[in-house]
Amino acid sequence: KRINEFHFDNAVTTEGKNDELTKYLKGSSYTAAWYVGLIDNASFSAVAVGDTAAQVNGTNGWTECTGYSNATRVAWTGGSASAGSIDNSASPAVFTINATKTVNGAFLVSVSTKTGTTGVIYSEVSFGSTRSVISGDTLTVTYTLTLS
């Protein structure tokens, strides 16, 4: 049973923009593997376009929430692009919560390892209002990317 559904605009990081330009327009080693991570509300200050994967759990202004039993960050599986947009609505990222946490947002990253600091954060979003979760909950994240 779906309890709530919310929509928020995400910020594409400079790291993500540079990665996209290098791989798509320059044709440099491309990977299609992307993963959804959760942003913990503990110590949260803000998401910013200058955030990087190297700073996850460091100086991004937020830390990753790992209070879920999935072994890794959840794979993002995009559908077909249409009208300048692509999303994972046919295969949303489902997190099986195993702790009491307050989730502030989500991010899209190129490495599956929880708290991993390699790869690229493509984009990130604060939910605007935090989401309280407890062990046994599932948190489903549909992530849409739009180029404009």
C-alpha atoms as a PDB file:
ATOM      1  CA  LYS A   1       0.000   0.000   0.000  1.00  0.00           C
ATOM      2  CA  ARG A   2       1.419   3.377  -1.012  1.00  0.00           C
ATOM      3  CA  ILE A   3       1.252   5.845   1.861  1.00  0.00           C
ATOM      4  CA  ASN A   4       2.729   8.974   0.279  1.00  0.00           C
ATOM      5  CA  GLU A   5       4.042  10.171  -3.047  1.00  0.00           C
ATOM      6  CA  PHE A   6       6.145  13.313  -3.477  1.00  0.00           C
ATOM      7  CA  HIS A   7       7.882  15.072  -6.374  1.00  0.00           C
ATOM      8  CA  PHE A   8      11.017  17.226  -6.028  1.00  0.00           C
ATOM      9  CA  ASP A   9      13.444  18.820  -8.470  1.00  0.00           C
ATOM     10  CA  ASN A  10      16.975  17.445  -8.230  1.00  0.00           C
ATOM     11  CA  ALA A  11      20.258  19.232  -8.822  1.00  0.00           C
ATOM     12  CA  VAL A  12      22.731  17.858 -11.347  1.00  0.00           C
ATOM     13  CA  THR A  13      26.187  18.216  -9.843  1.00  0.00           C
ATOM     14  CA  THR A  14      29.085  19.781 -11.711  1.00  0.00           C
ATOM     15  CA  GLU A  15      30.779  16.382 -11.401  1.00  0.00           C
ATOM     16  CA  GLY A  16      27.750  14.812 -13.116  1.00  0.00           C
ATOM     17  CA  LYS A  17      27.636  17.413 -15.875  1.00  0.00           C
ATOM     18  CA  ASN A  18      31.346  16.984 -16.593  1.00  0.00           C
ATOM     19  CA  ASP A  19      30.935  13.202 -16.647  1.00  0.00           C
ATOM     20  CA  GLU A  20      28.030  13.444 -19.081  1.00  0.00           C
ATOM     21  CA  LEU A  21      29.861  15.832 -21.398  1.00  0.00           C
ATOM     22  CA  THR A  22      33.045  13.747 -21.369  1.00  0.00           C
ATOM     23  CA  LYS A  23      31.337  10.423 -21.964  1.00  0.00           C
ATOM     24  CA  TYR A  24      28.562  11.445 -24.321  1.00  0.00           C
ATOM     25  CA  LEU A  25      30.030  14.246 -26.380  1.00  0.00           C
ATOM     26  CA  LYS A  26      33.703  13.327 -26.181  1.00  0.00           C
ATOM     27  CA  GLY A  27      33.084   9.567 -26.342  1.00  0.00           C
ATOM     28  CA  SER A  28      35.274   8.602 -23.389  1.00  0.00           C
ATOM     29  CA  SER A  29      34.764   5.232 -21.569  1.00  0.00           C
ATOM     30  CA  TYR A  30      31.071   5.064 -20.802  1.00  0.00           C
ATOM     31  CA  THR A  31      29.292   2.928 -18.211  1.00  0.00           C
ATOM     32  CA  ALA A  32      25.533   2.574 -17.918  1.00  0.00           C
ATOM     33  CA  ALA A  33      25.592   1.435 -14.281  1.00  0.00           C
ATOM     34  CA  TRP A  34      23.902   3.909 -11.916  1.00  0.00           C
ATOM     35  CA  TYR A  35      22.658   3.467  -8.367  1.00  0.00           C
ATOM     36  CA  VAL A  36      20.319   5.285  -5.991  1.00  0.00           C
ATOM     37  CA  GLY A  37      21.587   6.193  -2.528  1.00  0.00           C
ATOM     38  CA  LEU A  38      19.750   7.788   0.374  1.00  0.00           C
ATOM     39  CA  ILE A  39      20.702  10.979   2.199  1.00  0.00           C
ATOM     40  CA  ASP A  40      20.543  10.800   6.006  1.00  0.00           C
ATOM     41  CA  ASN A  41      19.015  13.748   7.825  1.00  0.00           C
ATOM     42  CA  ALA A  42      21.630  13.512  10.598  1.00  0.00           C
ATOM     43  CA  SER A  43      24.043  16.437  10.156  1.00  0.00           C
ATOM     44  CA  PHE A  44      22.278  17.492   6.933  1.00  0.00           C
ATOM     45  CA  SER A  45      22.871  21.080   5.844  1.00  0.00           C
ATOM     46  CA  ALA A  46      22.261  21.146   2.057  1.00  0.00           C
ATOM     47  CA  VAL A  47      22.811  19.497  -1.303  1.00  0.00           C
ATOM     48  CA  ALA A  48      24.971  21.524  -3.686  1.00  0.00           C
ATOM     49  CA  VAL A  49      26.082  21.289  -7.309  1.00  0.00           C
ATOM     50  CA  GLY A  50      29.691  21.159  -6.069  1.00  0.00           C
ATOM     51  CA  ASP A  51      29.107  17.885  -4.184  1.00  0.00           C
ATOM     52  CA  THR A  52      31.224  14.912  -5.301  1.00  0.00           C
ATOM     53  CA  ALA A  53      31.330  11.170  -4.732  1.00  0.00           C
ATOM     54  CA  ALA A  54      34.773  11.561  -3.158  1.00  0.00           C
ATOM     55  CA  GLN A  55      33.117  13.563  -0.383  1.00  0.00           C
ATOM     56  CA  VAL A  56      30.287  11.152   0.491  1.00  0.00           C
ATOM     57  CA  ASN A  57      30.250  11.064   4.290  1.00  0.00           C
ATOM     58  CA  GLY A  58      32.788  13.872   4.315  1.00  0.00           C
ATOM     59  CA  THR A  59      32.205  17.439   3.329  1.00  0.00           C
ATOM     60  CA  ASN A  60      29.155  17.332   1.048  1.00  0.00           C
ATOM     61  CA  GLY A  61      26.884  18.816   3.719  1.00  0.00           C
ATOM     62  CA  TRP A  62      25.251  15.420   4.198  1.00  0.00           C
ATOM     63  CA  THR A  63      26.040  11.778   4.874  1.00  0.00           C
ATOM     64  CA  GLU A  64      24.682   8.665   3.249  1.00  0.00           C
ATOM     65  CA  CYS A  65      21.880   6.800   5.016  1.00  0.00           C
ATOM     66  CA  THR A  66      22.737   3.095   5.121  1.00  0.00           C
ATOM     67  CA  GLY A  67      19.886   1.947   7.383  1.00  0.00           C
ATOM     68  CA  TYR A  68      18.599  -0.589   4.858  1.00  0.00           C
ATOM     69  CA  SER A  69      19.286  -4.293   4.402  1.00  0.00           C
ATOM     70  CA  ASN A  70      20.029  -4.217   0.667  1.00  0.00           C
ATOM     71  CA  ALA A  71      23.674  -5.261   0.300  1.00  0.00           C
ATOM     72  CA  THR A  72      24.473  -2.285  -1.937  1.00  0.00           C
ATOM     73  CA  ARG A  73      22.953   0.935  -3.160  1.00  0.00           C
ATOM     74  CA  VAL A  74      19.949   0.056  -5.303  1.00  0.00           C
ATOM     75  CA  ALA A  75      20.452  -0.146  -9.075  1.00  0.00           C
ATOM     76  CA  TRP A  76      18.751   2.562 -11.127  1.00  0.00           C
ATOM     77  CA  THR A  77      17.172   0.996 -14.213  1.00  0.00           C
ATOM     78  CA  GLY A  78      16.011   3.635 -16.648  1.00  0.00           C
ATOM     79  CA  GLY A  79      13.256   3.100 -19.176  1.00  0.00           C
ATOM     80  CA  SER A  80      13.094   4.683 -22.619  1.00  0.00           C
ATOM     81  CA  ALA A  81      13.864   8.368 -22.906  1.00  0.00           C
ATOM     82  CA  SER A  82      10.978  10.496 -24.134  1.00  0.00           C
ATOM     83  CA  ALA A  83      10.485  14.270 -24.426  1.00  0.00           C
ATOM     84  CA  GLY A  84      13.915  14.870 -22.880  1.00  0.00           C
ATOM     85  CA  SER A  85      13.183  12.759 -19.783  1.00  0.00           C
ATOM     86  CA  ILE A  86      14.033   9.292 -18.490  1.00  0.00           C
ATOM     87  CA  ASP A  87      12.992   7.569 -15.261  1.00  0.00           C
ATOM     88  CA  ASN A  88      12.992   4.283 -13.410  1.00  0.00           C
ATOM     89  CA  SER A  89       9.209   4.138 -12.876  1.00  0.00           C
ATOM     90  CA  ALA A  90       8.974   0.652 -14.420  1.00  0.00           C
ATOM     91  CA  SER A  91      11.634  -0.575 -11.969  1.00  0.00           C
ATOM     92  CA  PRO A  92      11.813   1.806  -8.986  1.00  0.00           C
ATOM     93  CA  ALA A  93      14.601   1.587  -6.400  1.00  0.00           C
ATOM     94  CA  VAL A  94      13.207  -0.242  -3.359  1.00  0.00           C
ATOM     95  CA  PHE A  95      15.036   0.051  -0.039  1.00  0.00           C
ATOM     96  CA  THR A  96      14.249  -2.461   2.724  1.00  0.00           C
ATOM     97  CA  ILE A  97      14.668  -0.404   5.879  1.00  0.00           C
ATOM     98  CA  ASN A  98      16.288  -2.121   8.884  1.00  0.00           C
ATOM     99  CA  ALA A  99      16.774   0.803  11.297  1.00  0.00           C
ATOM    100  CA  THR A 100      14.996   3.832  12.654  1.00  0.00           C
ATOM    101  CA  LYS A 101      16.167   6.704  10.491  1.00  0.00           C
ATOM    102  CA  THR A 102      15.166  10.055   9.094  1.00  0.00           C
ATOM    103  CA  VAL A 103      15.800  10.265   5.354  1.00  0.00           C
ATOM    104  CA  ASN A 104      16.331  13.697   3.835  1.00  0.00           C
ATOM    105  CA  GLY A 105      16.800  12.864   0.151  1.00  0.00           C
ATOM    106  CA  ALA A 106      18.383  10.706  -2.520  1.00  0.00           C
ATOM    107  CA  PHE A 107      21.268  10.781  -4.976  1.00  0.00           C
ATOM    108  CA  LEU A 108      22.240   9.053  -8.207  1.00  0.00           C
ATOM    109  CA  VAL A 109      25.791   7.695  -8.250  1.00  0.00           C
ATOM    110  CA  SER A 110      27.942   5.450 -10.463  1.00  0.00           C
ATOM    111  CA  VAL A 111      29.199   3.107  -7.703  1.00  0.00           C
ATOM    112  CA  SER A 112      27.052   0.543  -5.846  1.00  0.00           C
ATOM    113  CA  THR A 113      29.077   0.319  -2.613  1.00  0.00           C
ATOM    114  CA  LYS A 114      27.303   1.823   0.403  1.00  0.00           C
ATOM    115  CA  THR A 115      29.335   4.845   1.590  1.00  0.00           C
ATOM    116  CA  GLY A 116      31.641   4.331  -1.418  1.00  0.00           C
ATOM    117  CA  THR A 117      33.635   7.429  -2.343  1.00  0.00           C
ATOM    118  CA  THR A 118      34.667   6.569  -5.893  1.00  0.00           C
ATOM    119  CA  GLY A 119      32.768   7.197  -9.082  1.00  0.00           C
ATOM    120  CA  VAL A 120      30.491  10.137  -9.826  1.00  0.00           C
ATOM    121  CA  ILE A 121      27.433  11.645  -8.167  1.00  0.00           C
ATOM    122  CA  TYR A 122      25.281  12.614 -11.126  1.00  0.00           C
ATOM    123  CA  SER A 123      22.501  14.300  -9.204  1.00  0.00           C
ATOM    124  CA  GLU A 124      20.998  14.675  -5.759  1.00  0.00           C
ATOM    125  CA  VAL A 125      17.818  15.947  -4.167  1.00  0.00           C
ATOM    126  CA  SER A 126      16.573  16.921  -0.731  1.00  0.00           C
ATOM    127  CA  PHE A 127      12.979  15.831  -0.204  1.00  0.00           C
ATOM    128  CA  GLY A 128      12.145  19.223   1.314  1.00  0.00           C
ATOM    129  CA  SER A 129      10.398  17.452   4.193  1.00  0.00           C
ATOM    130  CA  THR A 130      12.164  14.551   5.870  1.00  0.00           C
ATOM    131  CA  ARG A 131      10.793  11.001   5.831  1.00  0.00           C
ATOM    132  CA  SER A 132      10.861   8.987   9.043  1.00  0.00           C
ATOM    133  CA  VAL A 133      11.341   5.261   8.539  1.00  0.00           C
ATOM    134  CA  ILE A 134      11.541   2.289  10.896  1.00  0.00           C
ATOM    135  CA  SER A 135      12.772  -1.267  10.560  1.00  0.00           C
ATOM    136  CA  GLY A 136      10.395  -3.243   8.371  1.00  0.00           C
ATOM    137  CA  ASP A 137       9.415  -0.278   6.168  1.00  0.00           C
ATOM    138  CA  THR A 138      10.169  -0.110   2.486  1.00  0.00           C
ATOM    139  CA  LEU A 139      11.093   3.156   0.826  1.00  0.00           C
ATOM    140  CA  THR A 140      10.502   3.249  -2.917  1.00  0.00           C
ATOM    141  CA  VAL A 141      12.317   5.887  -4.955  1.00  0.00           C
ATOM    142  CA  THR A 142      11.401   6.747  -8.524  1.00  0.00           C
ATOM    143  CA  TYR A 143      14.128   8.949  -9.968  1.00  0.00           C
ATOM    144  CA  THR A 144      13.403  11.020 -13.086  1.00  0.00           C
ATOM    145  CA  LEU A 145      16.076  12.895 -15.039  1.00  0.00           C
ATOM    146  CA  THR A 146      15.143  15.640 -17.491  1.00  0.00           C
ATOM    147  CA  LEU A 147      17.475  17.567 -19.771  1.00  0.00           C
ATOM    148  CA  SER A 148      16.474  21.115 -20.528  1.00  0.00           C
END
